């Protein structure tokens, strides 16, 4: 997470590292249209997650789901 702390937009792989979720879990959430997960932005075919969206999502997770 250290090298991504000043970054504004994350690829799926970077979002995976930042959130602690598997990249496959993120791809599945995108494919399902999971509204509880941050909505990705698209730049052509590339999927980008904004840091502030990921931070807000992480802050709103129930305590039982947060990584310790």
C-alpha atoms as a PDB file:
ATOM      1  CA  UNK A   1       0.000   0.000   0.000  1.00  0.00           C
ATOM      2  CA  UNK A   2       2.936   2.354   0.565  1.00  0.00           C
ATOM      3  CA  UNK A   3       3.663   3.160  -3.050  1.00  0.00           C
ATOM      4  CA  UNK A   4      -0.017   3.783  -3.828  1.00  0.00           C
ATOM      5  CA  UNK A   5      -0.776   6.204  -1.007  1.00  0.00           C
ATOM      6  CA  UNK A   6      -0.360   9.329  -3.166  1.00  0.00           C
ATOM      7  CA  UNK A   7      -1.944   7.864  -6.257  1.00  0.00           C
ATOM      8  CA  UNK A   8      -5.381   9.116  -7.381  1.00  0.00           C
ATOM      9  CA  UNK A   9      -6.574   6.334  -9.706  1.00  0.00           C
ATOM     10  CA  UNK A  10      -5.978   2.589  -9.410  1.00  0.00           C
ATOM     11  CA  UNK A  11      -6.075  -0.271 -11.884  1.00  0.00           C
ATOM     12  CA  UNK A  12      -7.835  -3.447 -10.759  1.00  0.00           C
ATOM     13  CA  UNK A  13      -4.497  -4.929  -9.652  1.00  0.00           C
ATOM     14  CA  UNK A  14      -3.598  -1.788  -7.681  1.00  0.00           C
ATOM     15  CA  UNK A  15      -7.102  -1.610  -6.163  1.00  0.00           C
ATOM     16  CA  UNK A  16      -6.655  -5.229  -5.150  1.00  0.00           C
ATOM     17  CA  UNK A  17      -3.415  -4.424  -3.324  1.00  0.00           C
ATOM     18  CA  UNK A  18      -4.910  -1.287  -1.765  1.00  0.00           C
ATOM     19  CA  UNK A  19      -8.084  -2.945  -0.449  1.00  0.00           C
ATOM     20  CA  UNK A  20      -6.706  -6.396   0.302  1.00  0.00           C
ATOM     21  CA  UNK A  21      -9.259  -8.033  -1.998  1.00  0.00           C
ATOM     22  CA  UNK A  22      -8.331 -10.533  -4.679  1.00  0.00           C
ATOM     23  CA  UNK A  23      -8.355  -9.069  -8.193  1.00  0.00           C
ATOM     24  CA  UNK A  24     -10.844 -11.796  -9.169  1.00  0.00           C
ATOM     25  CA  UNK A  25     -13.226 -10.588  -6.446  1.00  0.00           C
ATOM     26  CA  UNK A  26     -13.051  -7.072  -7.888  1.00  0.00           C
ATOM     27  CA  UNK A  27     -13.625  -8.329 -11.442  1.00  0.00           C
ATOM     28  CA  UNK A  28     -16.619 -10.342 -10.193  1.00  0.00           C
ATOM     29  CA  UNK A  29     -18.082  -7.264  -8.458  1.00  0.00           C
ATOM     30  CA  UNK A  30     -17.715  -5.282 -11.698  1.00  0.00           C
ATOM     31  CA  UNK A  31     -19.329  -8.055 -13.770  1.00  0.00           C
ATOM     32  CA  UNK A  32     -22.265  -8.375 -11.341  1.00  0.00           C
ATOM     33  CA  UNK A  33     -22.770  -4.623 -11.193  1.00  0.00           C
ATOM     34  CA  UNK A  34     -22.418  -4.844  -7.407  1.00  0.00           C
ATOM     35  CA  UNK A  35     -23.665  -1.477  -6.150  1.00  0.00           C
ATOM     36  CA  UNK A  36     -22.069  -1.931  -2.730  1.00  0.00           C
ATOM     37  CA  UNK A  37     -18.596  -1.821  -4.327  1.00  0.00           C
ATOM     38  CA  UNK A  38     -17.174   1.448  -5.735  1.00  0.00           C
ATOM     39  CA  UNK A  39     -18.189   2.129  -9.323  1.00  0.00           C
ATOM     40  CA  UNK A  40     -15.184   1.999 -11.637  1.00  0.00           C
ATOM     41  CA  UNK A  41     -14.447   4.643 -14.229  1.00  0.00           C
ATOM     42  CA  UNK A  42     -13.414   3.595 -17.702  1.00  0.00           C
ATOM     43  CA  UNK A  43     -10.740   5.015 -19.943  1.00  0.00           C
ATOM     44  CA  UNK A  44     -11.298   3.082 -23.150  1.00  0.00           C
ATOM     45  CA  UNK A  45     -11.092  -0.543 -22.072  1.00  0.00           C
ATOM     46  CA  UNK A  46      -9.080   0.237 -18.946  1.00  0.00           C
ATOM     47  CA  UNK A  47     -10.905   0.151 -15.606  1.00  0.00           C
ATOM     48  CA  UNK A  48      -9.907   2.809 -13.062  1.00  0.00           C
ATOM     49  CA  UNK A  49     -10.987   3.141  -9.434  1.00  0.00           C
ATOM     50  CA  UNK A  50     -10.651   6.542  -7.787  1.00  0.00           C
ATOM     51  CA  UNK A  51      -8.802   6.504  -4.472  1.00  0.00           C
ATOM     52  CA  UNK A  52     -11.485   8.576  -2.746  1.00  0.00           C
ATOM     53  CA  UNK A  53     -14.154   6.047  -3.809  1.00  0.00           C
ATOM     54  CA  UNK A  54     -12.099   3.145  -2.437  1.00  0.00           C
ATOM     55  CA  UNK A  55     -11.370   5.043   0.795  1.00  0.00           C
ATOM     56  CA  UNK A  56     -15.071   5.825   1.315  1.00  0.00           C
ATOM     57  CA  UNK A  57     -15.987   2.190   0.668  1.00  0.00           C
ATOM     58  CA  UNK A  58     -13.339   0.952   3.128  1.00  0.00           C
ATOM     59  CA  UNK A  59     -14.482   3.422   5.808  1.00  0.00           C
ATOM     60  CA  UNK A  60     -18.085   2.257   5.498  1.00  0.00           C
ATOM     61  CA  UNK A  61     -17.374  -1.457   5.837  1.00  0.00           C
ATOM     62  CA  UNK A  62     -18.889  -3.077   8.918  1.00  0.00           C
ATOM     63  CA  UNK A  63     -16.259  -3.689  11.618  1.00  0.00           C
ATOM     64  CA  UNK A  64     -16.619  -7.459  11.141  1.00  0.00           C
ATOM     65  CA  UNK A  65     -15.442  -7.154   7.508  1.00  0.00           C
ATOM     66  CA  UNK A  66     -12.464  -4.839   8.068  1.00  0.00           C
ATOM     67  CA  UNK A  67      -8.978  -6.342   7.907  1.00  0.00           C
ATOM     68  CA  UNK A  68      -7.104  -6.292  11.183  1.00  0.00           C
END
